[in-house]
Structure formats: C-alpha cells, structure tokens
Protein backbone atom coordinates (compact mmCIF):
# COMPACT_ATOMS: atom_id res chain seq x y z
CA MET A 1 -3.02 95.96 -72.38
CA LEU A 2 -0.46 93.37 -73.37
CA PHE A 3 -1.53 89.70 -73.31
CA THR A 4 0.09 86.36 -74.08
CA ALA A 5 -0.87 84.17 -77.04
CA VAL A 6 0.06 80.48 -77.05
CA LEU A 7 -0.42 78.80 -80.42
CA ILE A 8 -0.45 75.04 -80.81
CA PRO A 9 -0.71 73.28 -84.18
CA ALA A 10 -4.08 71.51 -84.42
CA GLU A 11 -4.26 67.88 -85.56
CA GLU A 12 -6.83 68.77 -88.23
CA GLY A 13 -4.74 71.71 -89.48
CA GLY A 14 -4.52 75.32 -88.44
CA PHE A 15 -3.79 76.43 -84.88
CA VAL A 16 -5.43 76.45 -81.47
CA ALA A 17 -4.80 79.79 -79.74
CA LEU A 18 -4.90 80.27 -75.97
CA ASN A 19 -4.61 83.34 -73.77
CA PRO A 20 -3.48 82.11 -70.32
CA GLU A 21 -4.30 85.38 -68.53
CA THR A 22 -8.04 85.08 -69.29
CA GLY A 23 -8.41 81.45 -70.37
CA SER A 24 -9.73 82.56 -73.77
CA THR A 25 -9.29 79.86 -76.40
CA THR A 26 -10.04 79.86 -80.12
CA GLN A 27 -8.59 78.62 -83.39
CA GLY A 28 -7.64 79.73 -86.89
CA GLU A 29 -6.38 78.33 -90.17
CA SER A 30 -3.21 80.46 -90.01
CA VAL A 31 -1.18 82.15 -87.27
CA PRO A 32 -2.52 85.64 -88.14
CA GLU A 33 -6.11 84.34 -88.20
CA ALA A 34 -5.69 82.50 -84.89
CA ILE A 35 -4.25 85.62 -83.23
CA ALA A 36 -7.02 87.83 -84.65
CA ASN A 37 -9.64 85.38 -83.35
CA LEU A 38 -7.91 85.26 -79.96
CA ARG A 39 -7.82 89.06 -79.78
CA GLU A 40 -11.57 89.17 -80.45
CA ALA A 41 -12.33 86.41 -77.91
CA THR A 42 -10.19 88.14 -75.27
CA GLU A 43 -11.83 91.51 -75.91
CA LEU A 44 -15.27 89.92 -75.49
CA TYR A 45 -14.14 88.23 -72.27
CA LEU A 46 -12.80 91.50 -70.88
CA GLU A 47 -16.09 93.30 -71.63
CA GLU A 48 -17.79 90.89 -69.21
CA PHE A 49 -14.91 90.30 -66.77
CA PRO A 50 -12.54 93.30 -66.62
CA ILE A 51 -9.11 92.62 -65.12
CA GLN A 52 -6.16 94.73 -64.04
CA SER A 53 -2.82 94.20 -65.73
CA ALA A 54 -0.55 91.95 -63.66
CA GLY A 55 2.61 93.06 -65.45
CA GLN A 56 4.73 91.62 -68.23
CA PRO A 57 4.37 87.82 -68.58
CA LEU A 58 7.41 85.56 -68.59
CA VAL A 59 7.11 82.81 -71.19
CA THR A 60 9.56 79.91 -71.37
CA THR A 61 9.71 76.24 -72.27
CA PHE A 62 10.74 73.11 -70.39
CA GLU A 63 11.50 69.54 -71.32
CA VAL A 64 10.02 66.37 -69.85
CA ALA A 65 11.67 62.97 -70.22
CA THR A 66 9.35 60.33 -71.65
CA ALA A 67 9.57 56.54 -71.49
CA HIS A 68 10.17 54.90 -74.87
CA ALA A 69 8.50 51.58 -75.70
C-alpha cells in the first residue's frame, strides 16, 4: 500500500514525521531515519487497525497571510 509521509523540521533538530492516512507520528534525526520510523509505526498501527486503500493521495501546499507587528 502507498501512504503519505509529511516531514516537518523539529525545533530541537531532526524531523517529525506524520502519516495523515493513519495518524501515525514519529521522529528521526534524518529524513531517511524519520521515514523508516514512520514506516514501522504505520505497520504497527495497521496490524491493529487494518484499513482499505482509499486511492492515491493528493498533496499540495497553500499560503496564509499573516499580520506583521
């Protein structure tokens, strides 16, 4: 099954990794480590809560205007 990985730089270094399809979240010191940890967390989740594939995800970005001080 194909899943989505969202990686966000962590304030303390490394990356937080999130899988939006399952809600699995983990971290790693590097992108490959974060993805490997996310793969493991997602596999463990799916052992307990199997899901059917909902198709190919669409991932995009958007911008939000912020007020400047």
